[in-house]
Amino acid sequence: MSYSLMAMPENCVYAEFVSPAFPTTYPTVIHKERISAAALSAMEDSWNTRLFAERKIRLLQLTDVFVAGEGIVFDRVGRVYGDILTQQAPEHIERAAAQVAAAIESGDHETRTEPTVLCVKPGWQNYGHWLVEILPIADAAKRALGEDDLRFLIPNTFAPVMKKVVDDSLSIVGVAANRVSSYSFLPVFAKRLFVMHGMTHHGVYMSPLVFDTLNRLQDHTIGSDKMNIYIKREQYLSRSIENEAEIDEFMHSRGFFSFYPERFSLKEQISFFSGAKNIVGVAGAAMTNICFARAEARVLLLYPERMTDTFFWFMANHRKLDFVDVRCAQSGPSRSHLPWDSSLRVEIQDLQELLTSRSCDKNNKSAAYRTRMKKHRQGNAMPAVTKVTRTLDLGCGPQINNKFDANELYGIDVRASDNNNIKSADLSIESIPFPDNYFDFVTAFDFLEHVPRVIYAPHRRNCFVELMNEVYRVLKPGGLFFSSTPAYPRPEAFQDPTHVNIITENTFTRYFDVDFRWASMYGFKGAFRVHTQMWNDFHLETALIKVDTP
């Protein structure tokens, strides 16, 4: 070993957080006999711990230090702070130590003078490691420190899809892009470095405090109505399913929505998982999204028989999920140095029995779920007064759609109705007949495509833009507008001769989102934030939140 280890300096603890105790349950394991004795022993150290005791998480402040490699911290003369090493391979420490020694000798290195939070660790490029083990550090440190010039040392070599996840998640927790200090894995000298220690230890411990951050992400997202989801895995990846076509067909026959999560945005992934009652997928980064699942959702985690893992088990316990560890036979060579990174074969009979043992209800009430989750987070205390929420359904016909379980329901339709809560109005040319800031929710199902974009009556009017102004006007601050409409390029968007307003994936994101507001040139006076947008068959479903105008 060509580097030396040293203990943490005295008085380096800047703040301490209490990580609450939490109980766990031993997992249900299918084909447990397939797990090797060594792998089983490694997992059972955690599985058999019925109660993880309360512990301290420390925010450390170090001065005049180097950071190199995957978050390895050295003092000013090149000694490694050994107490905060996590999952660092000896050869990686050796390499980083050599780089730091060279930087000290030459004086050729970057220097950070602002207070900086370390947000680098092994596995940084992985979706799961980022969401569970790095983002919560940035979030907790930001809230604890609150310094205007605080910076966050974050790698600058993420793949494009992952870079979008990183940017979006940081934005939600309030870390602005100009606060990110780019890190290229070469030695950086920090005058004042903050290190969060003890929040997670991959496979060994996961603090409940992690979910403070994950809940914040979830609170910015609306649950999908897809109750049963099957998480597909690209065939070029390790741990792909050998009989994928067979499994996909079976899951479809059971009413499951199959998708590749990495093809969707962070908010869309959260939406799918937070609304689901039954979740099936292979152990991999995408299954990290079970951390957003509803309490008691059933999760069938398909594991290679030789895989050692407790990462998802910890999440399942924190979220109180009905978690089943299904061990699958491996086939072919491993695609990495890990013995479990080969293909696996999933047995239809296992899925059939496990899914039959629990009904797969297709009807989801996402707002009710969010209410239950809020109560779960806050304990059993119930408010003395029930909050009144109002929803308005545009083009409702004879029946008002109440997607978000509001207390008071109102509708508008061009045809008159005997229902006193349904007003008659032609929204192509008339205003919404309700006062300002009145509704928590406004919905439009198969309606916007019938609203003309431009008419002359007798002068030019931009009807769709005017309607969006009206939606903005009647929504309360922070209120939500949800639309579901046949959209381009699907033929259903064009085949109806009364479809005169063709929506695309860029209509809301470019013309009405606060970051662009291109519709302002046509008279749009409001501002929304696009929170989710996804396809449901040929319908494009978009959720917009009312925000302050710039």
Protein backbone atom coordinates (compact mmCIF):
# COMPACT_ATOMS: atom_id res chain seq x y z
CA MET A 1 0.00 0.00 0.00
CA SER A 2 1.60 3.23 -1.19
CA TYR A 3 -0.74 5.58 0.66
CA SER A 4 -1.25 6.25 4.35
CA LEU A 5 -4.52 6.44 6.27
CA MET A 6 -5.31 8.99 8.92
CA ALA A 7 -8.13 9.61 11.39
CA MET A 8 -10.55 12.50 11.11
CA PRO A 9 -9.34 15.74 12.70
CA GLU A 10 -10.81 16.83 16.02
CA ASN A 11 -13.77 19.19 16.01
CA CYS A 12 -14.63 18.42 12.38
CA VAL A 13 -18.30 17.59 13.12
CA TYR A 14 -20.28 20.56 11.85
CA ALA A 15 -23.75 19.09 12.53
CA GLU A 16 -25.39 15.84 13.61
CA PHE A 17 -28.71 14.36 12.54
CA VAL A 18 -30.63 11.64 14.36
CA SER A 19 -31.50 8.77 12.05
CA PRO A 20 -34.56 7.11 13.63
CA ALA A 21 -34.71 3.42 14.48
CA PHE A 22 -36.75 1.33 12.06
CA PRO A 23 -38.11 -2.24 12.06
CA THR A 24 -37.70 -4.75 9.24
CA THR A 25 -39.23 -8.07 8.23
CA TYR A 26 -37.51 -11.10 6.76
CA PRO A 27 -38.27 -11.20 3.02
CA THR A 28 -40.37 -13.77 1.20
CA VAL A 29 -37.84 -15.61 -1.00
CA ILE A 30 -38.89 -17.86 -3.88
CA HIS A 31 -36.32 -20.57 -4.79
CA LYS A 32 -34.18 -19.73 -1.80
CA GLU A 33 -32.36 -23.02 -2.35
CA ARG A 34 -30.71 -21.50 -5.42
CA ILE A 35 -28.80 -18.91 -3.36
CA SER A 36 -25.27 -19.96 -2.42
CA ALA A 37 -24.44 -20.33 1.26
CA ALA A 38 -21.95 -17.45 1.11
CA ALA A 39 -24.41 -15.07 -0.59
CA LEU A 40 -27.23 -16.05 1.76
CA SER A 41 -25.02 -15.52 4.81
CA ALA A 42 -24.05 -12.03 3.60
CA MET A 43 -27.68 -11.01 3.14
CA GLU A 44 -29.01 -12.62 6.29
CA ASP A 45 -26.85 -10.36 8.46
CA SER A 46 -29.31 -7.64 7.45
CA TRP A 47 -32.40 -9.78 6.87
CA ASN A 48 -32.27 -11.11 10.43
CA THR A 49 -31.96 -7.66 12.00
CA ARG A 50 -35.47 -7.03 13.24
CA LEU A 51 -34.74 -3.49 14.41
CA PHE A 52 -32.07 -1.11 13.14
CA ALA A 53 -31.22 1.12 16.08
CA GLU A 54 -31.23 4.90 16.11
CA ARG A 55 -27.89 6.31 15.02
CA LYS A 56 -26.15 9.58 14.30
CA ILE A 57 -25.43 10.93 10.85
CA ARG A 58 -22.66 13.51 10.79
CA LEU A 59 -22.00 16.44 8.53
CA LEU A 60 -18.23 16.89 8.62
CA GLN A 61 -16.34 20.07 7.78
CA LEU A 62 -12.80 19.60 6.47
CA THR A 63 -10.42 22.36 5.49
CA ASP A 64 -7.59 22.40 2.95
CA VAL A 65 -8.22 18.94 1.50
CA PHE A 66 -7.97 17.18 -1.85
CA VAL A 67 -10.73 15.18 -3.52
CA ALA A 68 -9.71 12.62 -6.16
CA GLY A 69 -11.10 9.48 -7.77
CA GLU A 70 -14.64 8.56 -6.80
CA GLY A 71 -14.89 10.90 -3.83
CA ILE A 72 -11.74 9.93 -1.92
CA VAL A 73 -10.64 12.69 0.46
CA PHE A 74 -6.98 13.44 1.26
CA ASP A 75 -5.41 15.93 3.61
CA ARG A 76 -3.13 18.66 2.23
CA VAL A 77 -0.07 16.36 2.24
CA GLY A 78 -1.80 13.41 0.54
CA ARG A 79 -2.93 11.19 3.41
CA VAL A 80 -6.32 9.44 3.05
CA TYR A 81 -9.10 10.06 5.54
CA GLY A 82 -9.84 6.38 6.11
CA ASP A 83 -12.90 6.80 8.34
CA ILE A 84 -15.04 8.05 5.45
CA LEU A 85 -13.97 5.56 2.77
CA THR A 86 -17.01 3.74 1.37
CA GLN A 87 -16.87 0.93 -1.20
CA GLN A 88 -13.50 2.15 -2.46
CA ALA A 89 -11.38 -0.60 -4.05
CA PRO A 90 -7.70 -0.57 -2.94
CA GLU A 91 -6.48 -0.13 -6.52
CA HIS A 92 -8.73 2.92 -6.94
CA ILE A 93 -7.36 4.47 -3.77
CA GLU A 94 -3.81 3.78 -5.01
CA ARG A 95 -4.51 5.51 -8.30
CA ALA A 96 -6.12 8.53 -6.66
CA ALA A 97 -3.27 8.81 -4.14
CA ALA A 98 -0.74 8.87 -6.99
CA GLN A 99 -2.72 11.63 -8.74
CA VAL A 100 -2.88 13.70 -5.56
CA ALA A 101 0.86 13.24 -4.94
CA ALA A 102 1.58 14.44 -8.47
CA ALA A 103 -0.75 17.41 -8.03
CA ILE A 104 0.93 18.41 -4.77
CA GLU A 105 4.39 18.20 -6.33
CA SER A 106 3.49 20.14 -9.48
CA GLY A 107 0.97 22.51 -7.97
CA ASP A 108 -1.19 21.83 -11.03
CA HIS A 109 -4.72 21.29 -9.75
CA GLU A 110 -8.09 23.01 -9.53
CA THR A 111 -8.95 24.90 -6.34
CA ARG A 112 -12.41 25.48 -4.87
CA THR A 113 -12.56 28.45 -2.51
CA GLU A 114 -16.34 28.33 -1.90
CA PRO A 115 -17.79 25.97 0.73
CA THR A 116 -18.38 22.74 -1.20
CA VAL A 117 -20.46 19.61 -0.51
CA LEU A 118 -18.99 16.30 -1.66
CA CYS A 119 -21.52 14.54 -3.93
CA VAL A 120 -19.32 11.81 -5.43
CA LYS A 121 -19.09 8.13 -4.49
CA PRO A 122 -18.62 4.76 -6.19
CA GLY A 123 -21.65 4.04 -8.37
CA TRP A 124 -22.28 7.76 -8.94
CA GLN A 125 -23.34 7.12 -12.55
CA ASN A 126 -26.12 4.70 -11.51
CA TYR A 127 -29.73 5.91 -11.26
CA GLY A 128 -30.26 4.13 -7.94
CA HIS A 129 -27.04 5.28 -6.33
CA TRP A 130 -27.74 8.85 -7.35
CA LEU A 131 -31.33 9.00 -6.05
CA VAL A 132 -30.78 7.11 -2.79
CA GLU A 133 -27.15 7.72 -1.85
CA ILE A 134 -26.08 11.07 -3.33
CA LEU A 135 -29.10 13.32 -3.91
CA PRO A 136 -30.22 13.04 -0.23
CA ILE A 137 -26.74 14.22 0.81
CA ALA A 138 -27.03 17.32 -1.36
CA ASP A 139 -30.53 17.99 -0.09
CA ALA A 140 -29.74 17.52 3.61
CA ALA A 141 -26.51 19.54 3.41
CA LYS A 142 -28.25 22.38 1.62
CA ARG A 143 -30.94 22.57 4.28
CA ALA A 144 -28.42 22.33 7.12
CA LEU A 145 -25.94 24.87 5.75
CA GLY A 146 -28.08 27.36 3.89
CA GLU A 147 -25.04 29.33 2.72
CA ASP A 148 -25.58 31.54 -0.30
CA ASP A 149 -22.24 30.62 -1.89
CA LEU A 150 -22.53 26.87 -1.21
CA ARG A 151 -21.38 24.62 -4.07
CA PHE A 152 -21.97 20.92 -4.80
CA LEU A 153 -19.12 18.85 -6.25
CA ILE A 154 -20.82 16.64 -8.85
CA PRO A 155 -19.34 14.57 -11.73
CA ASN A 156 -19.55 16.12 -15.19
CA THR A 157 -19.47 12.90 -17.23
CA PHE A 158 -23.00 11.51 -16.83
CA ALA A 159 -24.61 9.87 -19.85
CA PRO A 160 -27.16 12.26 -21.45
CA VAL A 161 -30.23 10.45 -20.08
CA MET A 162 -28.76 10.30 -16.59
CA LYS A 163 -27.63 13.93 -16.80
CA LYS A 164 -31.28 14.93 -17.27
CA VAL A 165 -32.26 12.91 -14.18
CA VAL A 166 -29.50 14.60 -12.16
CA ASP A 167 -30.46 18.09 -13.33
CA ASP A 168 -34.19 17.55 -12.76
CA SER A 169 -33.77 16.04 -9.29
CA LEU A 170 -31.38 18.79 -8.17
CA SER A 171 -33.82 21.42 -9.39
CA ILE A 172 -36.68 19.87 -7.38
CA VAL A 173 -34.67 19.93 -4.13
CA GLY A 174 -33.61 23.51 -4.80
CA VAL A 175 -30.02 23.15 -6.00
CA ALA A 176 -29.65 25.66 -8.83
CA ALA A 177 -27.49 24.82 -11.84
CA ASN A 178 -25.06 27.63 -10.99
CA ARG A 179 -24.39 25.95 -7.63
CA VAL A 180 -23.03 22.78 -9.26
CA SER A 181 -19.24 22.56 -9.17
CA SER A 182 -18.13 20.36 -12.07
CA TYR A 183 -15.88 17.43 -11.16
CA SER A 184 -13.77 15.53 -13.70
CA PHE A 185 -12.19 12.97 -11.27
CA LEU A 186 -8.83 14.75 -11.30
CA PRO A 187 -7.57 16.14 -7.98
CA VAL A 188 -9.44 19.18 -6.69
CA PHE A 189 -8.21 21.20 -3.73
CA ALA A 190 -11.07 22.42 -1.51
CA LYS A 191 -10.53 25.13 1.06
CA ARG A 192 -13.70 24.07 2.88
CA LEU A 193 -15.32 20.69 2.14
CA PHE A 194 -18.49 19.27 3.70
CA VAL A 195 -18.87 15.47 3.82
CA MET A 196 -22.08 13.71 4.92
CA HIS A 197 -21.17 10.47 6.68
CA GLY A 198 -23.45 7.61 7.68
CA MET A 199 -26.66 8.26 5.76
CA THR A 200 -26.25 5.10 3.67
CA HIS A 201 -23.84 2.21 3.38
CA HIS A 202 -24.69 0.32 0.23
CA GLY A 203 -26.18 -3.07 1.09
CA VAL A 204 -25.62 -2.56 4.83
CA TYR A 205 -27.68 0.44 5.95
CA MET A 206 -30.17 2.94 4.56
CA SER A 207 -31.39 5.77 6.79
CA PRO A 208 -35.08 6.68 6.89
CA LEU A 209 -33.90 10.26 6.35
CA VAL A 210 -33.22 9.34 2.71
CA PHE A 211 -36.96 9.34 2.20
CA ASP A 212 -37.29 12.97 3.24
CA THR A 213 -35.68 13.77 -0.09
CA LEU A 214 -37.49 11.07 -2.08
CA ASN A 215 -40.83 12.27 -0.71
CA ARG A 216 -40.02 15.75 -1.98
CA LEU A 217 -39.48 14.35 -5.46
CA GLN A 218 -42.75 12.44 -5.24
CA ASP A 219 -44.70 15.45 -4.00
CA HIS A 220 -43.92 17.14 -7.35
CA THR A 221 -45.47 14.29 -9.33
CA ILE A 222 -48.95 12.92 -9.96
CA GLY A 223 -49.57 9.18 -9.66
CA SER A 224 -50.33 7.37 -12.91
CA ASP A 225 -53.52 5.34 -13.37
CA LYS A 226 -51.50 2.27 -14.39
CA MET A 227 -52.07 -0.15 -11.51
CA ASN A 228 -49.91 -3.02 -12.79
CA ILE A 229 -46.49 -2.35 -14.30
CA TYR A 230 -43.80 -4.62 -15.70
CA ILE A 231 -40.33 -3.12 -15.90
CA LYS A 232 -38.57 -4.28 -19.03
CA ARG A 233 -34.80 -4.49 -19.33
CA GLU A 234 -32.90 -3.78 -22.54
CA GLN A 235 -31.39 -6.94 -24.02
CA TYR A 236 -27.92 -5.43 -24.31
CA LEU A 237 -27.74 -4.98 -20.53
CA SER A 238 -26.54 -7.53 -18.03
CA ARG A 239 -29.29 -9.44 -16.23
CA SER A 240 -31.52 -9.38 -19.30
CA ILE A 241 -34.30 -11.97 -19.44
CA GLU A 242 -33.56 -14.85 -21.80
CA ASN A 243 -37.26 -15.59 -22.42
CA GLU A 244 -38.27 -11.91 -22.53
CA ALA A 245 -40.85 -12.28 -25.34
CA GLU A 246 -42.66 -15.03 -23.44
CA ILE A 247 -42.68 -13.06 -20.19
CA ASP A 248 -43.77 -9.85 -21.91
CA GLU A 249 -46.71 -11.63 -23.55
CA PHE A 250 -47.72 -13.20 -20.24
CA MET A 251 -47.57 -9.88 -18.37
CA HIS A 252 -49.64 -8.23 -21.10
CA SER A 253 -52.26 -10.99 -20.75
CA ARG A 254 -52.48 -10.17 -17.04
CA GLY A 255 -53.20 -6.51 -17.75
CA PHE A 256 -49.71 -5.18 -17.03
CA PHE A 257 -48.29 -2.05 -18.65
CA SER A 258 -44.80 -2.92 -19.92
CA PHE A 259 -42.18 -0.23 -20.41
CA TYR A 260 -38.47 0.62 -20.38
CA PRO A 261 -38.09 3.24 -17.59
CA GLU A 262 -34.92 4.76 -19.00
CA ARG A 263 -36.96 5.95 -21.99
CA PHE A 264 -39.05 8.16 -19.69
CA SER A 265 -38.25 11.25 -17.64
CA LEU A 266 -37.67 11.15 -13.90
CA LYS A 267 -41.13 12.55 -13.19
CA GLU A 268 -42.77 10.03 -15.50
CA GLN A 269 -40.96 7.14 -13.81
CA ILE A 270 -42.02 8.39 -10.38
CA SER A 271 -45.59 8.71 -11.66
CA PHE A 272 -45.72 5.12 -12.93
CA PHE A 273 -44.37 3.63 -9.72
CA SER A 274 -46.29 5.83 -7.28
CA GLY A 275 -49.58 4.83 -8.85
CA ALA A 276 -48.90 1.10 -9.17
CA LYS A 277 -50.33 -1.66 -7.00
CA ASN A 278 -48.30 -4.49 -8.57
CA ILE A 279 -44.72 -4.07 -9.81
CA VAL A 280 -42.60 -6.73 -11.51
CA GLY A 281 -39.03 -6.33 -12.77
CA VAL A 282 -35.44 -7.54 -12.75
CA ALA A 283 -33.07 -6.27 -10.05
CA GLY A 284 -31.40 -3.23 -11.61
CA ALA A 285 -31.22 0.54 -11.43
CA ALA A 286 -34.76 1.11 -12.72
CA MET A 287 -36.25 -0.85 -9.81
CA THR A 288 -34.95 1.87 -7.50
CA ASN A 289 -38.27 3.50 -8.33
CA ILE A 290 -40.00 1.19 -5.84
CA CYS A 291 -38.91 3.84 -3.34
CA PHE A 292 -41.87 5.83 -4.72
CA ALA A 293 -44.37 2.96 -4.53
CA ARG A 294 -47.48 3.09 -2.39
CA ALA A 295 -47.54 1.30 0.96
CA GLU A 296 -48.48 -2.39 0.56
CA ALA A 297 -47.86 -2.42 -3.19
CA ARG A 298 -46.66 -5.86 -4.22
CA VAL A 299 -43.15 -5.94 -5.69
CA LEU A 300 -41.86 -9.06 -7.42
CA LEU A 301 -38.10 -8.52 -7.68
CA LEU A 302 -36.55 -10.93 -10.20
CA TYR A 303 -33.01 -11.73 -9.01
CA PRO A 304 -30.26 -13.79 -10.65
CA GLU A 305 -29.76 -16.77 -8.35
CA ARG A 306 -26.19 -15.76 -7.41
CA MET A 307 -26.86 -12.07 -6.73
CA THR A 308 -26.10 -10.64 -3.28
CA ASP A 309 -28.33 -7.63 -2.61
CA THR A 310 -30.26 -5.93 0.19
CA PHE A 311 -30.59 -2.50 -1.44
CA PHE A 312 -34.19 -3.06 -2.58
CA TRP A 313 -35.09 -4.92 0.61
CA PHE A 314 -34.21 -1.83 2.65
CA MET A 315 -36.45 0.30 0.41
CA ALA A 316 -39.29 -2.20 0.71
CA ASN A 317 -39.12 -2.04 4.50
CA HIS A 318 -39.05 1.74 4.60
CA ARG A 319 -42.00 1.93 2.20
CA LYS A 320 -43.85 -0.99 3.82
CA LEU A 321 -44.11 -2.86 0.54
CA ASP A 322 -45.26 -6.44 -0.02
CA PHE A 323 -41.81 -7.49 -1.24
CA VAL A 324 -41.03 -10.86 -2.84
CA ASP A 325 -37.46 -11.91 -3.75
CA VAL A 326 -37.77 -14.28 -6.74
CA ARG A 327 -34.54 -16.16 -7.55
CA CYS A 328 -34.19 -17.02 -11.24
CA ALA A 329 -31.87 -19.50 -12.93
CA GLN A 330 -28.90 -17.88 -14.68
CA SER A 331 -27.70 -18.82 -18.15
CA GLY A 332 -24.66 -17.96 -20.25
CA PRO A 333 -21.51 -16.12 -19.23
CA SER A 334 -21.44 -13.05 -17.01
CA ARG A 335 -21.11 -9.73 -18.84
CA SER A 336 -18.96 -8.22 -16.07
CA HIS A 337 -16.66 -9.20 -13.22
CA LEU A 338 -19.74 -9.92 -11.10
CA PRO A 339 -20.94 -13.54 -11.13
CA TRP A 340 -24.62 -12.56 -11.38
CA ASP A 341 -24.39 -10.35 -14.48
CA SER A 342 -25.46 -13.07 -16.91
CA SER A 343 -28.87 -13.58 -18.50
CA LEU A 344 -31.62 -15.13 -16.43
CA ARG A 345 -34.64 -17.26 -17.17
CA VAL A 346 -37.92 -16.36 -15.50
CA GLU A 347 -40.43 -19.13 -14.85
CA ILE A 348 -43.97 -18.30 -15.92
CA GLN A 349 -45.37 -20.54 -13.21
CA ASP A 350 -43.71 -18.47 -10.49
CA LEU A 351 -45.31 -15.28 -11.79
CA GLN A 352 -48.66 -16.97 -12.30
CA GLU A 353 -48.80 -18.22 -8.72
CA LEU A 354 -47.55 -14.99 -7.18
CA LEU A 355 -49.91 -12.78 -9.18
CA THR A 356 -52.88 -15.10 -8.67
CA SER A 357 -52.35 -14.88 -4.93
CA ARG A 358 -53.11 -11.17 -5.16
CA SER A 359 -55.70 -9.56 -7.41
CA CYS A 360 -54.46 -6.98 -9.91
CA ASP A 361 -57.09 -4.25 -9.73
CA LYS A 362 -56.90 -2.00 -12.78
CA ASN A 363 -58.74 0.96 -11.26
CA ASN A 364 -56.43 3.44 -9.56
CA LYS A 365 -57.40 6.49 -7.54
CA SER A 366 -54.10 8.33 -7.57
CA ALA A 367 -55.26 11.25 -5.43
CA ALA A 368 -56.64 8.90 -2.79
CA TYR A 369 -53.33 7.11 -2.77
CA ARG A 370 -51.46 10.38 -2.29
CA THR A 371 -53.77 11.20 0.64
CA ARG A 372 -53.07 7.84 2.24
CA MET A 373 -49.33 8.31 1.75
CA LYS A 374 -49.48 11.74 3.38
CA LYS A 375 -51.27 10.27 6.39
CA HIS A 376 -48.73 7.46 6.54
CA ARG A 377 -45.86 9.97 6.62
CA GLN A 378 -47.49 12.17 9.23
CA GLY A 379 -48.69 9.40 11.54
CA ASN A 380 -52.26 8.70 12.53
CA ALA A 381 -53.19 12.27 13.44
CA MET A 382 -56.21 13.45 11.45
CA PRO A 383 -57.01 17.10 10.86
CA ALA A 384 -59.96 18.49 12.74
CA VAL A 385 -61.42 19.98 9.56
CA THR A 386 -61.47 18.30 6.15
CA LYS A 387 -59.98 20.52 3.45
CA VAL A 388 -62.43 21.37 0.70
CA THR A 389 -61.07 20.85 -2.81
CA ARG A 390 -62.80 21.76 -6.05
CA THR A 391 -62.40 20.30 -9.51
CA LEU A 392 -63.67 21.61 -12.84
CA ASP A 393 -64.06 19.23 -15.80
CA LEU A 394 -64.06 20.92 -19.24
CA GLY A 395 -66.27 19.38 -21.91
CA CYS A 396 -67.63 17.02 -19.30
CA GLY A 397 -70.80 15.86 -21.07
CA PRO A 398 -73.45 14.52 -18.66
CA GLN A 399 -70.89 13.12 -16.16
CA ILE A 400 -68.20 15.10 -14.33
CA ASN A 401 -64.82 13.38 -14.22
CA ASN A 402 -63.30 13.55 -10.73
CA LYS A 403 -59.79 12.21 -11.35
CA PHE A 404 -58.35 13.77 -8.20
CA ASP A 405 -61.12 12.88 -5.71
CA ALA A 406 -62.12 16.48 -5.03
CA ASN A 407 -64.90 17.29 -2.56
CA GLU A 408 -66.79 19.66 -4.87
CA LEU A 409 -67.35 18.78 -8.53
CA TYR A 410 -68.15 21.21 -11.35
CA GLY A 411 -68.32 20.83 -15.10
CA ILE A 412 -68.74 22.83 -18.30
CA ASP A 413 -70.26 21.54 -21.52
CA VAL A 414 -71.62 23.15 -24.66
CA ARG A 415 -74.93 21.34 -24.05
CA ALA A 416 -77.29 22.34 -21.25
CA SER A 417 -77.61 19.98 -18.27
CA ASP A 418 -80.09 19.34 -15.47
CA ASN A 419 -77.13 19.11 -13.11
CA ASN A 420 -76.79 22.50 -11.42
CA ASN A 421 -73.02 21.99 -11.10
CA ILE A 422 -72.60 21.70 -14.89
CA LYS A 423 -72.60 25.10 -16.57
CA SER A 424 -73.34 25.60 -20.25
CA ALA A 425 -70.69 27.49 -22.25
CA ASP A 426 -68.90 27.32 -25.58
CA LEU A 427 -65.30 27.62 -24.43
CA SER A 428 -64.10 28.27 -27.97
CA ILE A 429 -65.53 31.78 -27.68
CA GLU A 430 -66.75 32.19 -24.08
CA SER A 431 -64.98 32.57 -20.76
CA ILE A 432 -65.07 29.96 -18.01
CA PRO A 433 -68.08 31.05 -15.88
CA PHE A 434 -66.33 30.81 -12.51
CA PRO A 435 -64.36 33.31 -10.38
CA ASP A 436 -60.59 33.71 -10.20
CA ASN A 437 -58.43 31.33 -8.13
CA TYR A 438 -61.40 29.05 -7.46
CA PHE A 439 -60.33 25.51 -8.39
CA ASP A 440 -57.69 23.12 -7.10
CA PHE A 441 -57.96 21.04 -10.29
CA VAL A 442 -59.11 21.57 -13.85
CA THR A 443 -59.34 18.57 -16.18
CA ALA A 444 -59.93 18.13 -19.91
CA PHE A 445 -60.53 14.63 -21.27
CA ASP A 446 -60.85 14.39 -25.07
CA PHE A 447 -61.68 18.08 -25.20
CA LEU A 448 -58.76 20.29 -26.21
CA GLU A 449 -58.59 18.79 -29.69
CA HIS A 450 -62.04 20.34 -30.37
CA VAL A 451 -61.00 23.90 -29.44
CA PRO A 452 -60.01 25.91 -32.55
CA ARG A 453 -56.60 27.50 -32.57
CA VAL A 454 -57.66 30.56 -34.58
CA ILE A 455 -61.04 31.94 -35.60
CA TYR A 456 -62.31 35.26 -37.03
CA ALA A 457 -65.44 36.31 -35.13
CA PRO A 458 -65.35 38.89 -36.61
CA HIS A 459 -61.75 39.66 -35.65
CA ARG A 460 -58.91 37.22 -35.22
CA ARG A 461 -58.97 35.30 -31.94
CA ASN A 462 -56.49 32.71 -30.67
CA CYS A 463 -59.11 30.49 -29.01
CA PHE A 464 -56.83 27.83 -27.57
CA VAL A 465 -54.49 30.42 -26.05
CA GLU A 466 -57.48 32.31 -24.64
CA LEU A 467 -58.75 29.08 -23.07
CA MET A 468 -55.36 28.47 -21.45
CA ASN A 469 -55.56 31.99 -20.01
CA GLU A 470 -58.95 31.12 -18.56
CA VAL A 471 -57.66 27.84 -17.07
CA TYR A 472 -54.83 29.78 -15.46
CA ARG A 473 -57.26 32.39 -14.13
CA VAL A 474 -59.65 29.98 -12.37
CA LEU A 475 -56.94 27.75 -10.88
CA LYS A 476 -55.70 28.48 -7.40
CA PRO A 477 -51.95 29.19 -7.06
CA GLY A 478 -50.28 25.80 -7.29
CA GLY A 479 -53.44 24.31 -8.81
CA LEU A 480 -53.24 21.55 -11.39
CA PHE A 481 -54.49 21.34 -14.97
CA PHE A 482 -54.66 17.81 -16.42
CA SER A 483 -55.39 17.12 -20.07
CA SER A 484 -55.75 13.87 -21.97
CA THR A 485 -56.02 14.24 -25.73
CA PRO A 486 -55.33 12.27 -28.92
CA ALA A 487 -52.05 13.70 -30.13
CA TYR A 488 -49.59 13.75 -33.01
CA PRO A 489 -48.26 11.51 -34.53
CA ARG A 490 -51.04 9.01 -33.72
CA PRO A 491 -53.72 8.78 -36.48
CA GLU A 492 -56.48 9.13 -33.87
CA ALA A 493 -55.45 12.77 -33.54
CA PHE A 494 -56.55 13.42 -37.16
CA GLN A 495 -59.29 10.92 -38.03
CA ASP A 496 -62.17 12.75 -36.30
CA PRO A 497 -63.26 15.67 -38.57
CA THR A 498 -64.04 17.77 -35.47
CA HIS A 499 -60.42 17.58 -34.25
CA VAL A 500 -59.12 21.04 -35.10
CA ASN A 501 -56.37 21.48 -32.49
CA ILE A 502 -53.55 18.94 -32.91
CA ILE A 503 -51.44 18.68 -29.77
CA THR A 504 -47.82 17.47 -29.83
CA GLU A 505 -45.28 16.67 -27.13
CA ASN A 506 -43.93 20.23 -27.53
CA THR A 507 -47.23 22.13 -27.28
CA PHE A 508 -47.30 22.46 -23.49
CA THR A 509 -43.59 22.14 -22.81
CA ARG A 510 -42.61 24.97 -25.17
CA TYR A 511 -45.64 27.24 -25.39
CA PHE A 512 -47.05 27.24 -21.84
CA ASP A 513 -44.23 26.09 -19.54
CA VAL A 514 -42.69 28.92 -17.52
CA ASP A 515 -39.21 28.21 -18.92
CA PHE A 516 -40.32 29.07 -22.48
CA ARG A 517 -43.84 30.59 -22.67
CA TRP A 518 -43.70 30.91 -26.46
CA ALA A 519 -47.49 31.35 -26.41
CA SER A 520 -46.99 34.76 -24.78
CA MET A 521 -46.44 36.17 -28.26
CA TYR A 522 -50.05 35.12 -29.00
CA GLY A 523 -51.50 36.64 -25.84
CA PHE A 524 -50.87 34.00 -23.17
CA LYS A 525 -50.67 35.81 -19.82
CA GLY A 526 -50.12 32.95 -17.37
CA ALA A 527 -47.40 30.41 -16.61
CA PHE A 528 -47.40 26.70 -15.86
CA ARG A 529 -44.80 24.16 -14.91
CA VAL A 530 -45.05 20.87 -16.81
CA HIS A 531 -44.87 18.22 -14.13
CA THR A 532 -45.64 15.07 -16.08
CA GLN A 533 -46.27 14.22 -19.70
CA MET A 534 -46.70 10.68 -20.95
CA TRP A 535 -48.48 8.56 -23.51
CA ASN A 536 -51.50 6.42 -22.60
CA ASP A 537 -52.10 4.50 -25.81
CA PHE A 538 -52.89 7.26 -28.36
CA HIS A 539 -53.65 9.89 -25.71
CA LEU A 540 -50.99 12.35 -24.58
CA GLU A 541 -51.57 13.03 -20.88
CA THR A 542 -50.09 16.23 -19.48
CA ALA A 543 -50.20 17.69 -15.98
CA LEU A 544 -49.44 21.39 -15.55
CA ILE A 545 -49.02 23.26 -12.27
CA LYS A 546 -50.00 26.95 -12.05
CA VAL A 547 -46.96 29.05 -11.11
CA ASP A 548 -46.26 32.76 -10.85
CA THR A 549 -45.68 34.57 -14.12
CA PRO A 550 -42.07 35.67 -14.71
